[in-house]
Amino acid sequence: MKKISFIGILLIVLILPIANAQQPAEDAGVTPDSFLWGLDKALDNLNLLLTFDKGEKAKKGIEIARERLLEVKAMVEENKLGAAEKAKEEHGKTLVKVNQNINEIEDDDSTEEIKEVIEIEKELEELNEDVEQTFDEVKVKIEVKGELNQQQKDLIDSILSGLQEQTREVEIEIKNKKDKTKIKIKTETGKSEKEVEEEVDGIEEEKGLADIKKEKAVEEIENAKEDLEELEKDLQEHKAEGHVADEKPITQLMDNARKRLSNADEAFKNNDFGEAFGQANAARQLIKNADRILEKVVEKFEEEQEEEEQIDVEIEDGKAKIEIEVNDEKLKFSLETADKNTIVQEIAAKTGLSVDEVTKLTDFEEEEGKEEVKESKDKKSIIIKNEEVSLKCDSDADCLLINKDLGFGCCWAGACESIDYSLDKYASVNKESFLESRKENCPKGDLWGAHTSEEKIQKYEACGSAPGCPSGLNNNNFVAKCMDNLCTKLPK
């Protein structure tokens, strides 16, 4: 059994390089939304386990991290953010192992040791470029499609930023390892610190790392200068519009960013491309912080403006009452229309505001509980909230049981009769006139003959803004309840 297991593992190890060679560089392969993903990770871990050289182990770890990165990209593009988060976590776990392996690299020849570390650093720089490219591509696709809400965008930002932070931790580990190895070289060879640095620079150039660092430094410096120029332009525009009362917190960060950029230029002239990139990157972070402060200042200004500028529109009975407040000034007027577009146009004409500004500032209040209830011409049905309800009946009891006329009905000529189907008119009916009206409209009503009493009237209760439901008037089948200002039949 052990022999079979060993042969199986050996076959997997032999197949893995072939499978990896056949897989396109940009193909994510098996992704976290597949049930095979666990097996894919297990094979990657086995591959690492069977690699014994620490330097090679670190390089393979970076290659596996690149695979996880492609999986993150694929899942984000498909809006499978939970799966993307899983791939990001595995990307981080893999790079933690890379850190451990870098720290454990040892060679009797310290120069060979630092060569190994530089090769790993080059692999990491390439992974960094892939991470940044993925970040930029995904952000652009999100904006172009415009299908994600802000919460989803924030989650994607968190995932992508997490990837960058994970690679940054490996950068720190590599720098620490290089510094330790430089000390070993100095001790073993008796060279000065400057001579050791020159030797390491030569190795980096030989391995192609210097060119990568130079290219990254140039790009980061250019990006930082563009960001600063754009921020300066935005700040001047907002100042001109009176949005910024105190610019000091913003300009202080901008001044610090300029100093960092100056340091980056100086480091670049001295061929210290790593330092140049670091200074330019620090400048970009300062600029981003300044930009966030500017955004908050502008948002606060706009919120205060909205509080000072307010338009209230109350619509009732087909008319609009408008009240406009700007700072301490008020304007009130009425319009003989309930059409919102017309109202907005009229307000814009009177105030000089644009239609968009009026729309943004206007708060419309429409009268509730005034739903019109219409009776059909043949009195065989009514329309309640755009729904036709039958009024056919055989007795007064039918009208009450089915609550056809808001709880007070009498059957007359095969149809339920009512005082008035308009709720606002119902509100003006007092007890005495109500009783008299019902007697006249329903002279043969069996319920209204002997039962037109004070007891009956006590059950005529308010329904919202108007009297409505006889909630006390019930029988074995239903009780009436006021819902949305209309009496509604409910089972007991």
Protein backbone atom coordinates (compact mmCIF):
# COMPACT_ATOMS: atom_id res chain seq x y z
CA MET A 1 0.00 0.00 0.00
CA LYS A 2 2.83 2.39 0.89
CA LYS A 3 4.52 1.50 -2.40
CA ILE A 4 1.36 2.42 -4.36
CA SER A 5 1.05 5.73 -2.47
CA PHE A 6 4.67 6.59 -3.21
CA ILE A 7 4.23 5.82 -6.91
CA GLY A 8 1.10 8.01 -6.99
CA ILE A 9 2.93 10.93 -5.40
CA LEU A 10 5.86 10.45 -7.77
CA LEU A 11 3.54 10.54 -10.79
CA ILE A 12 1.92 13.75 -9.53
CA VAL A 13 5.32 15.38 -9.07
CA LEU A 14 6.37 14.35 -12.58
CA ILE A 15 3.09 15.57 -14.11
CA LEU A 16 3.05 18.96 -12.33
CA PRO A 17 5.80 20.65 -14.38
CA ILE A 18 4.14 19.47 -17.62
CA ALA A 19 0.73 20.75 -16.51
CA ASN A 20 2.20 24.09 -15.49
CA ALA A 21 4.05 24.42 -18.79
CA GLN A 22 0.84 23.82 -20.74
CA GLN A 23 -1.20 26.37 -18.79
CA PRO A 24 -1.20 29.84 -20.44
CA ALA A 25 0.49 32.57 -18.38
CA GLU A 26 -2.70 34.62 -18.04
CA ASP A 27 -5.01 31.63 -17.41
CA ALA A 28 -6.30 31.48 -13.83
CA GLY A 29 -6.80 27.72 -14.16
CA VAL A 30 -8.94 26.21 -11.42
CA THR A 31 -10.62 29.02 -9.46
CA PRO A 32 -12.02 29.15 -5.89
CA ASP A 33 -15.60 28.72 -7.14
CA SER A 34 -14.70 25.19 -8.33
CA PHE A 35 -14.81 22.08 -6.13
CA LEU A 36 -11.41 21.17 -7.62
CA TRP A 37 -9.73 24.24 -6.13
CA GLY A 38 -8.85 22.40 -2.92
CA LEU A 39 -7.03 19.75 -4.95
CA ASP A 40 -5.24 22.46 -6.94
CA LYS A 41 -3.96 24.04 -3.71
CA ALA A 42 -2.96 20.64 -2.32
CA LEU A 43 -0.83 19.94 -5.41
CA ASP A 44 0.83 23.35 -5.08
CA ASN A 45 1.65 22.64 -1.43
CA LEU A 46 3.00 19.21 -2.35
CA ASN A 47 5.21 20.77 -4.99
CA LEU A 48 6.62 23.13 -2.35
CA LEU A 49 7.03 20.31 0.14
CA LEU A 50 9.15 18.31 -2.30
CA THR A 51 11.41 21.30 -3.08
CA PHE A 52 14.24 21.34 -0.54
CA ASP A 53 16.44 24.27 -1.57
CA LYS A 54 15.22 27.38 0.30
CA GLY A 55 15.90 29.74 -2.59
CA GLU A 56 14.06 27.55 -5.11
CA LYS A 57 11.28 27.09 -2.59
CA ALA A 58 10.85 30.88 -2.32
CA LYS A 59 10.78 31.24 -6.13
CA LYS A 60 8.14 28.52 -6.48
CA GLY A 61 6.14 30.21 -3.74
CA ILE A 62 6.13 33.47 -5.74
CA GLU A 63 4.98 31.55 -8.82
CA ILE A 64 2.10 30.02 -6.83
CA ALA A 65 1.24 33.48 -5.50
CA ARG A 66 1.03 34.68 -9.12
CA GLU A 67 -1.49 31.88 -9.79
CA ARG A 68 -3.58 33.02 -6.80
CA LEU A 69 -3.41 36.58 -8.16
CA LEU A 70 -4.89 35.46 -11.49
CA GLU A 71 -7.65 33.71 -9.56
CA VAL A 72 -8.42 36.93 -7.65
CA LYS A 73 -8.65 38.85 -10.93
CA ALA A 74 -10.93 36.25 -12.53
CA MET A 75 -13.29 36.15 -9.54
CA VAL A 76 -13.49 39.94 -9.21
CA GLU A 77 -14.32 40.28 -12.90
CA GLU A 78 -17.15 37.76 -12.42
CA ASN A 79 -18.31 39.65 -9.29
CA LYS A 80 -17.68 36.56 -7.15
CA LEU A 81 -16.18 38.57 -4.34
CA GLY A 82 -16.33 35.84 -1.70
CA ALA A 83 -14.25 33.57 -3.94
CA ALA A 84 -11.88 36.48 -4.69
CA GLU A 85 -11.36 37.00 -0.96
CA LYS A 86 -10.46 33.29 -0.56
CA ALA A 87 -7.86 33.54 -3.32
CA LYS A 88 -6.42 36.70 -1.72
CA GLU A 89 -6.08 34.92 1.63
CA GLU A 90 -4.23 32.02 -0.02
CA HIS A 91 -2.02 34.55 -1.85
CA GLY A 92 -1.06 35.95 1.55
CA LYS A 93 -0.45 32.53 3.13
CA THR A 94 1.83 31.58 0.24
CA LEU A 95 3.88 34.77 0.61
CA VAL A 96 4.26 34.15 4.36
CA LYS A 97 5.99 30.88 3.43
CA VAL A 98 8.13 32.79 0.91
CA ASN A 99 9.21 35.11 3.75
CA GLN A 100 10.20 32.17 5.91
CA ASN A 101 12.23 30.58 3.13
CA ILE A 102 14.03 33.85 2.32
CA ASN A 103 15.00 34.23 5.96
CA GLU A 104 16.39 30.68 6.02
CA ILE A 105 18.59 31.01 2.91
CA GLU A 106 22.20 30.24 3.91
CA ASP A 107 25.32 29.78 1.81
CA ASP A 108 28.96 29.43 2.78
CA ASP A 109 29.73 31.97 0.06
CA SER A 110 27.90 35.17 1.07
CA THR A 111 28.20 36.57 -2.46
CA GLU A 112 26.36 33.53 -3.83
CA GLU A 113 23.82 33.95 -1.04
CA ILE A 114 23.04 37.54 -2.02
CA LYS A 115 22.83 36.51 -5.69
CA GLU A 116 20.10 34.05 -4.71
CA VAL A 117 18.24 36.75 -2.76
CA ILE A 118 18.51 39.18 -5.70
CA GLU A 119 17.04 36.56 -8.06
CA ILE A 120 14.10 36.18 -5.68
CA GLU A 121 13.79 39.97 -5.45
CA LYS A 122 13.55 40.14 -9.25
CA GLU A 123 10.76 37.53 -9.21
CA LEU A 124 8.95 39.54 -6.54
CA GLU A 125 9.29 42.79 -8.53
CA GLU A 126 7.64 41.05 -11.49
CA LEU A 127 4.85 39.82 -9.20
CA ASN A 128 4.47 43.38 -7.91
CA GLU A 129 4.04 44.63 -11.46
CA ASP A 130 1.37 41.97 -12.02
CA VAL A 131 -0.44 43.04 -8.84
CA GLU A 132 -0.40 46.71 -9.86
CA GLN A 133 -1.51 45.86 -13.41
CA THR A 134 -4.35 43.74 -12.04
CA PHE A 135 -5.36 46.56 -9.71
CA ASP A 136 -5.50 49.10 -12.55
CA GLU A 137 -7.28 46.79 -15.03
CA VAL A 138 -9.97 45.74 -12.57
CA LYS A 139 -10.64 49.33 -11.44
CA VAL A 140 -11.09 50.47 -15.05
CA LYS A 141 -13.44 47.58 -15.87
CA ILE A 142 -15.54 48.34 -12.80
CA GLU A 143 -15.94 51.98 -13.82
CA VAL A 144 -16.70 51.10 -17.45
CA LYS A 145 -19.36 48.52 -16.58
CA GLY A 146 -20.83 50.60 -13.76
CA GLU A 147 -22.69 47.54 -12.44
CA LEU A 148 -21.37 47.55 -8.86
CA ASN A 149 -22.67 49.47 -5.87
CA GLN A 150 -20.36 51.40 -3.55
CA GLN A 151 -20.21 48.58 -0.99
CA GLN A 152 -19.00 46.15 -3.66
CA LYS A 153 -16.45 48.67 -4.93
CA ASP A 154 -15.12 49.17 -1.39
CA LEU A 155 -14.78 45.40 -0.94
CA ILE A 156 -12.85 45.11 -4.21
CA ASP A 157 -10.58 47.98 -3.11
CA SER A 158 -9.96 46.11 0.14
CA ILE A 159 -9.08 42.89 -1.70
CA LEU A 160 -6.70 44.59 -4.14
CA SER A 161 -5.06 46.72 -1.43
CA GLY A 162 -4.58 43.54 0.61
CA LEU A 163 -2.64 41.97 -2.27
CA GLN A 164 -0.32 44.99 -2.43
CA GLU A 165 0.25 44.90 1.32
CA GLN A 166 1.12 41.19 1.18
CA THR A 167 3.84 41.73 -1.45
CA ARG A 168 5.15 44.73 0.51
CA GLU A 169 5.83 42.46 3.50
CA VAL A 170 8.04 40.25 1.31
CA GLU A 171 9.89 43.35 0.06
CA ILE A 172 10.71 44.23 3.67
CA GLU A 173 11.95 40.68 4.36
CA ILE A 174 14.17 40.77 1.25
CA LYS A 175 15.66 44.13 2.27
CA ASN A 176 16.42 42.81 5.76
CA LYS A 177 18.02 39.67 4.34
CA LYS A 178 20.14 41.69 1.89
CA ASP A 179 21.34 43.99 4.68
CA LYS A 180 22.38 40.99 6.81
CA THR A 181 24.15 39.36 3.87
CA LYS A 182 25.98 42.61 3.01
CA ILE A 183 27.38 42.65 6.54
CA LYS A 184 28.54 39.04 6.08
CA ILE A 185 30.24 39.94 2.78
CA LYS A 186 31.97 42.91 4.42
CA THR A 187 33.18 40.70 7.28
CA GLU A 188 34.35 37.85 5.03
CA THR A 189 36.09 40.00 2.40
CA GLY A 190 37.23 43.00 4.41
CA LYS A 191 35.68 45.31 1.82
CA SER A 192 34.33 48.72 2.74
CA GLU A 193 30.60 49.41 2.86
CA LYS A 194 30.84 51.41 -0.37
CA GLU A 195 32.67 48.57 -2.12
CA VAL A 196 30.05 46.07 -0.99
CA GLU A 197 27.24 48.33 -2.25
CA GLU A 198 28.96 48.68 -5.62
CA GLU A 199 29.36 44.90 -5.84
CA VAL A 200 25.67 44.36 -5.02
CA ASP A 201 24.64 47.01 -7.56
CA GLY A 202 26.69 45.16 -10.17
CA ILE A 203 24.95 41.88 -9.36
CA GLU A 204 21.54 43.56 -9.58
CA GLU A 205 22.45 44.97 -12.99
CA GLU A 206 23.73 41.58 -14.13
CA LYS A 207 20.51 39.84 -13.03
CA GLY A 208 18.30 42.47 -14.71
CA LEU A 209 16.90 43.75 -11.41
CA ALA A 210 18.42 47.24 -11.84
CA ASP A 211 16.48 47.84 -15.06
CA ILE A 212 13.22 46.80 -13.42
CA LYS A 213 13.86 49.11 -10.46
CA LYS A 214 14.79 52.00 -12.74
CA GLU A 215 11.63 51.60 -14.82
CA LYS A 216 9.45 51.43 -11.70
CA ALA A 217 11.12 54.50 -10.21
CA VAL A 218 10.58 56.54 -13.39
CA GLU A 219 6.91 55.55 -13.54
CA GLU A 220 6.29 56.26 -9.84
CA ILE A 221 7.96 59.68 -10.00
CA GLU A 222 5.92 60.63 -13.08
CA ASN A 223 2.68 59.44 -11.46
CA ALA A 224 3.42 61.38 -8.28
CA LYS A 225 4.07 64.59 -10.22
CA GLU A 226 0.85 64.15 -12.23
CA ASP A 227 -1.16 63.49 -9.05
CA LEU A 228 0.29 66.60 -7.41
CA GLU A 229 -0.46 68.76 -10.45
CA GLU A 230 -4.06 67.52 -10.57
CA LEU A 231 -4.54 68.13 -6.84
CA GLU A 232 -3.17 71.68 -7.15
CA LYS A 233 -5.64 72.36 -9.96
CA ASP A 234 -8.60 70.96 -7.97
CA LEU A 235 -7.61 72.96 -4.88
CA GLN A 236 -7.47 76.23 -6.84
CA GLU A 237 -10.87 75.57 -8.43
CA HIS A 238 -12.54 74.82 -5.09
CA LYS A 239 -10.90 77.87 -3.50
CA ALA A 240 -12.23 80.06 -6.32
CA GLU A 241 -15.74 78.69 -5.70
CA GLY A 242 -15.46 79.40 -1.97
CA HIS A 243 -15.53 75.73 -0.95
CA VAL A 244 -12.29 75.82 1.09
CA ALA A 245 -12.07 78.09 4.12
CA ASP A 246 -8.85 76.65 5.58
CA GLU A 247 -6.40 75.12 3.10
CA LYS A 248 -3.50 74.70 5.55
CA PRO A 249 -4.01 70.96 6.35
CA ILE A 250 -4.04 70.28 2.60
CA THR A 251 -1.08 72.48 1.61
CA GLN A 252 1.09 71.08 4.43
CA LEU A 253 0.71 67.57 3.02
CA MET A 254 1.37 68.89 -0.49
CA ASP A 255 4.58 70.60 0.68
CA ASN A 256 5.76 67.34 2.28
CA ALA A 257 4.97 65.54 -0.98
CA ARG A 258 7.12 68.03 -2.90
CA LYS A 259 10.05 67.35 -0.54
CA ARG A 260 9.65 63.61 -1.08
CA LEU A 261 9.62 64.15 -4.84
CA SER A 262 12.79 66.21 -4.60
CA ASN A 263 14.42 63.36 -2.65
CA ALA A 264 13.24 60.90 -5.30
CA ASP A 265 14.81 62.95 -8.09
CA GLU A 266 18.10 63.17 -6.18
CA ALA A 267 18.15 59.41 -5.47
CA PHE A 268 17.42 58.68 -9.12
CA LYS A 269 20.39 60.83 -10.23
CA ASN A 270 22.57 58.73 -7.91
CA ASN A 271 21.22 55.51 -9.50
CA ASP A 272 19.59 54.55 -6.20
CA PHE A 273 16.41 53.46 -7.94
CA GLY A 274 14.97 51.61 -4.96
CA GLU A 275 15.20 54.76 -2.81
CA ALA A 276 13.83 56.87 -5.68
CA PHE A 277 10.79 54.63 -5.97
CA GLY A 278 10.25 54.65 -2.19
CA GLN A 279 10.36 58.45 -1.96
CA ALA A 280 8.01 58.87 -4.93
CA ASN A 281 5.61 56.32 -3.49
CA ALA A 282 5.62 58.17 -0.15
CA ALA A 283 4.85 61.40 -2.05
CA ARG A 284 1.85 59.74 -3.72
CA GLN A 285 0.49 58.60 -0.36
CA LEU A 286 0.76 62.16 1.01
CA ILE A 287 -1.04 63.48 -2.08
CA LYS A 288 -3.82 60.90 -1.65
CA ASN A 289 -4.26 61.95 1.98
CA ALA A 290 -4.44 65.62 0.95
CA ASP A 291 -6.99 64.76 -1.74
CA ARG A 292 -9.17 62.93 0.82
CA ILE A 293 -9.10 65.98 3.10
CA LEU A 294 -10.10 68.22 0.18
CA GLU A 295 -13.00 65.91 -0.68
CA LYS A 296 -14.26 65.99 2.91
CA VAL A 297 -13.98 69.79 3.07
CA VAL A 298 -16.00 70.14 -0.15
CA GLU A 299 -18.59 67.60 1.03
CA LYS A 300 -19.03 69.48 4.31
CA PHE A 301 -19.46 72.75 2.43
CA GLU A 302 -22.11 71.23 0.14
CA GLU A 303 -23.98 69.74 3.11
CA GLU A 304 -24.05 73.13 4.83
CA GLN A 305 -25.27 74.72 1.60
CA GLU A 306 -28.07 72.18 1.35
CA GLU A 307 -29.13 73.03 4.89
CA GLU A 308 -29.20 76.75 4.02
CA GLU A 309 -31.00 76.17 0.72
CA GLN A 310 -34.22 74.20 0.93
CA ILE A 311 -37.39 73.95 -1.15
CA ASP A 312 -40.53 72.37 0.31
CA VAL A 313 -43.46 71.50 -1.94
CA GLU A 314 -46.77 70.31 -0.50
CA ILE A 315 -49.19 68.84 -3.03
CA GLU A 316 -52.88 68.67 -2.08
CA ASP A 317 -56.09 68.58 -4.12
CA GLY A 318 -54.21 69.07 -7.37
CA LYS A 319 -52.45 72.20 -6.12
CA ALA A 320 -48.91 72.86 -4.96
CA LYS A 321 -47.84 75.06 -2.06
CA ILE A 322 -44.16 76.02 -2.40
CA GLU A 323 -41.86 77.39 0.29
CA ILE A 324 -38.28 78.32 -0.65
CA GLU A 325 -35.65 79.15 1.96
CA VAL A 326 -32.22 80.50 1.03
CA ASN A 327 -30.13 81.49 4.04
CA ASP A 328 -32.56 83.73 5.98
CA GLU A 329 -34.71 84.69 2.98
CA LYS A 330 -38.05 82.96 2.32
CA LEU A 331 -40.37 82.86 -0.67
CA LYS A 332 -43.87 81.33 -0.65
CA PHE A 333 -46.24 80.88 -3.57
CA SER A 334 -48.83 78.44 -4.95
CA LEU A 335 -49.35 76.75 -8.30
CA GLU A 336 -52.55 75.33 -9.76
CA THR A 337 -50.86 72.06 -10.70
CA ALA A 338 -49.63 68.84 -9.14
CA ASP A 339 -47.28 67.99 -12.00
CA LYS A 340 -43.77 67.78 -10.56
CA ASN A 341 -41.97 68.69 -13.79
CA THR A 342 -44.06 71.83 -14.17
CA ILE A 343 -43.47 72.73 -10.52
CA VAL A 344 -39.70 72.32 -10.88
CA GLN A 345 -39.67 74.46 -14.03
CA GLU A 346 -41.65 77.23 -12.32
CA ILE A 347 -39.35 77.21 -9.28
CA ALA A 348 -36.29 77.38 -11.54
CA ALA A 349 -37.80 80.35 -13.38
CA LYS A 350 -38.55 82.23 -10.14
CA THR A 351 -35.25 81.53 -8.38
CA GLY A 352 -32.68 81.50 -11.17
CA LEU A 353 -31.55 78.03 -10.07
CA SER A 354 -31.01 75.34 -12.68
CA VAL A 355 -33.54 72.53 -13.05
CA ASP A 356 -30.95 70.08 -11.67
CA GLU A 357 -30.33 72.27 -8.62
CA VAL A 358 -34.07 72.63 -7.97
CA THR A 359 -34.57 68.88 -8.30
CA LYS A 360 -31.76 68.24 -5.82
CA LEU A 361 -33.05 70.75 -3.25
CA THR A 362 -36.78 70.06 -3.50
CA ASP A 363 -38.63 67.94 -0.97
CA PHE A 364 -42.05 66.91 -2.27
CA GLU A 365 -44.78 66.09 0.25
CA GLU A 366 -47.91 64.52 -1.18
CA GLU A 367 -51.17 64.22 0.74
CA GLU A 368 -51.73 60.74 2.10
CA GLY A 369 -54.98 59.01 2.80
CA LYS A 370 -56.93 60.89 0.16
CA GLU A 371 -57.29 57.99 -2.24
CA GLU A 372 -60.35 58.60 -4.34
CA VAL A 373 -62.98 55.88 -4.31
CA LYS A 374 -65.20 56.08 -7.38
CA GLU A 375 -68.58 54.50 -8.02
CA SER A 376 -69.34 53.05 -11.42
CA LYS A 377 -72.22 54.44 -13.47
CA ASP A 378 -74.39 51.38 -12.95
CA LYS A 379 -73.63 51.35 -9.21
CA LYS A 380 -72.63 47.67 -9.45
CA SER A 381 -68.97 48.25 -8.56
CA ILE A 382 -66.52 50.77 -7.11
CA ILE A 383 -62.86 51.52 -7.78
CA ILE A 384 -60.72 51.47 -4.63
CA LYS A 385 -57.04 52.21 -5.19
CA ASN A 386 -57.38 51.40 -8.89
CA GLU A 387 -59.00 48.04 -8.12
CA GLU A 388 -62.61 47.31 -9.10
CA VAL A 389 -64.75 45.88 -6.27
CA SER A 390 -68.25 44.50 -6.84
CA LEU A 391 -71.21 46.18 -5.10
CA LYS A 392 -73.76 43.49 -5.92
CA CYS A 393 -75.81 42.36 -2.93
CA ASP A 394 -78.97 40.57 -1.83
CA SER A 395 -79.30 42.21 1.59
CA ASP A 396 -77.81 44.90 3.82
CA ALA A 397 -75.86 42.18 5.55
CA ASP A 398 -73.95 41.52 2.32
CA CYS A 399 -72.77 45.12 2.22
CA LEU A 400 -71.54 45.02 5.80
CA LEU A 401 -69.99 41.57 5.56
CA ILE A 402 -67.96 42.32 2.49
CA ASN A 403 -67.27 45.87 3.64
CA LYS A 404 -68.28 47.17 0.22
CA ASP A 405 -68.95 50.77 1.09
CA LEU A 406 -66.35 51.34 3.79
CA GLY A 407 -68.38 49.52 6.41
CA PHE A 408 -71.75 51.36 6.10
CA GLY A 409 -73.91 49.94 3.38
CA CYS A 410 -77.48 49.07 2.59
CA CYS A 411 -78.62 46.88 -0.26
CA TRP A 412 -80.88 48.85 -2.64
CA ALA A 413 -81.94 47.52 -6.06
CA GLY A 414 -79.27 44.79 -5.90
CA ALA A 415 -76.37 47.13 -5.15
CA CYS A 416 -74.80 48.48 -1.97
CA GLU A 417 -75.58 52.17 -1.44
CA SER A 418 -73.46 54.70 0.42
CA ILE A 419 -73.57 58.30 1.60
CA ASP A 420 -70.46 59.25 -0.35
CA TYR A 421 -67.46 57.39 -1.59
CA SER A 422 -65.08 60.29 -1.01
CA LEU A 423 -63.16 60.01 2.25
CA ASP A 424 -62.59 63.74 2.65
CA LYS A 425 -66.37 64.32 2.44
CA TYR A 426 -67.01 61.45 4.84
CA ALA A 427 -64.94 63.34 7.40
CA SER A 428 -67.47 66.20 7.53
CA VAL A 429 -70.49 64.01 8.26
CA ASN A 430 -71.68 64.29 11.88
CA LYS A 431 -73.69 61.67 13.75
CA GLU A 432 -77.14 63.21 13.21
CA SER A 433 -76.81 64.03 9.51
CA PHE A 434 -75.21 60.65 8.95
CA LEU A 435 -78.21 58.81 10.41
CA GLU A 436 -80.72 60.88 8.49
CA SER A 437 -78.86 60.42 5.25
CA ARG A 438 -78.68 56.67 5.72
CA LYS A 439 -82.38 56.44 6.45
CA GLU A 440 -83.22 58.34 3.28
CA ASN A 441 -80.86 56.38 1.08
CA CYS A 442 -81.82 53.01 2.46
CA PRO A 443 -85.52 53.18 3.46
CA LYS A 444 -86.02 49.42 3.46
CA GLY A 445 -82.73 48.47 5.00
CA ASP A 446 -83.30 45.65 7.46
CA LEU A 447 -80.25 46.63 9.49
CA TRP A 448 -81.04 50.32 9.48
CA GLY A 449 -84.68 49.98 10.49
CA ALA A 450 -84.47 48.99 14.12
CA HIS A 451 -80.80 49.58 14.74
CA THR A 452 -80.20 53.27 13.98
CA SER A 453 -79.25 53.97 17.55
CA GLU A 454 -76.60 55.79 19.52
CA GLU A 455 -75.00 52.40 20.14
CA LYS A 456 -74.60 52.00 16.39
CA ILE A 457 -73.06 55.44 16.00
CA GLN A 458 -70.48 54.78 18.73
CA LYS A 459 -69.02 52.17 16.44
CA TYR A 460 -68.41 54.77 13.72
CA GLU A 461 -64.73 55.48 14.48
CA ALA A 462 -62.05 57.60 12.87
CA CYS A 463 -60.04 56.02 10.10
CA GLY A 464 -56.90 58.05 9.71
CA SER A 465 -57.89 61.60 8.82
CA ALA A 466 -61.58 60.73 8.40
CA PRO A 467 -64.25 58.67 10.18
CA GLY A 468 -64.16 55.28 8.62
CA CYS A 469 -64.42 51.84 10.14
CA PRO A 470 -67.08 50.41 12.45
CA SER A 471 -64.45 48.36 14.25
CA GLY A 472 -66.94 47.58 16.97
CA LEU A 473 -69.50 46.47 14.41
CA ASN A 474 -68.64 42.86 13.84
CA ASN A 475 -70.27 39.50 13.53
CA ASN A 476 -69.16 35.91 13.34
CA ASN A 477 -67.35 36.44 10.05
CA PHE A 478 -65.26 39.60 10.17
CA VAL A 479 -64.16 42.79 11.89
CA ALA A 480 -63.38 46.01 10.03
CA LYS A 481 -59.99 47.67 10.44
CA CYS A 482 -58.57 50.95 9.14
CA MET A 483 -55.66 50.26 6.80
CA ASP A 484 -54.15 53.02 4.64
CA ASN A 485 -57.20 55.16 5.51
CA LEU A 486 -59.58 52.57 4.07
CA CYS A 487 -61.72 50.18 6.07
CA THR A 488 -60.55 46.67 5.43
CA LYS A 489 -62.31 43.42 6.20
CA LEU A 490 -60.29 41.10 8.42
CA PRO A 491 -61.28 37.58 9.49
CA LYS A 492 -62.02 37.16 13.17
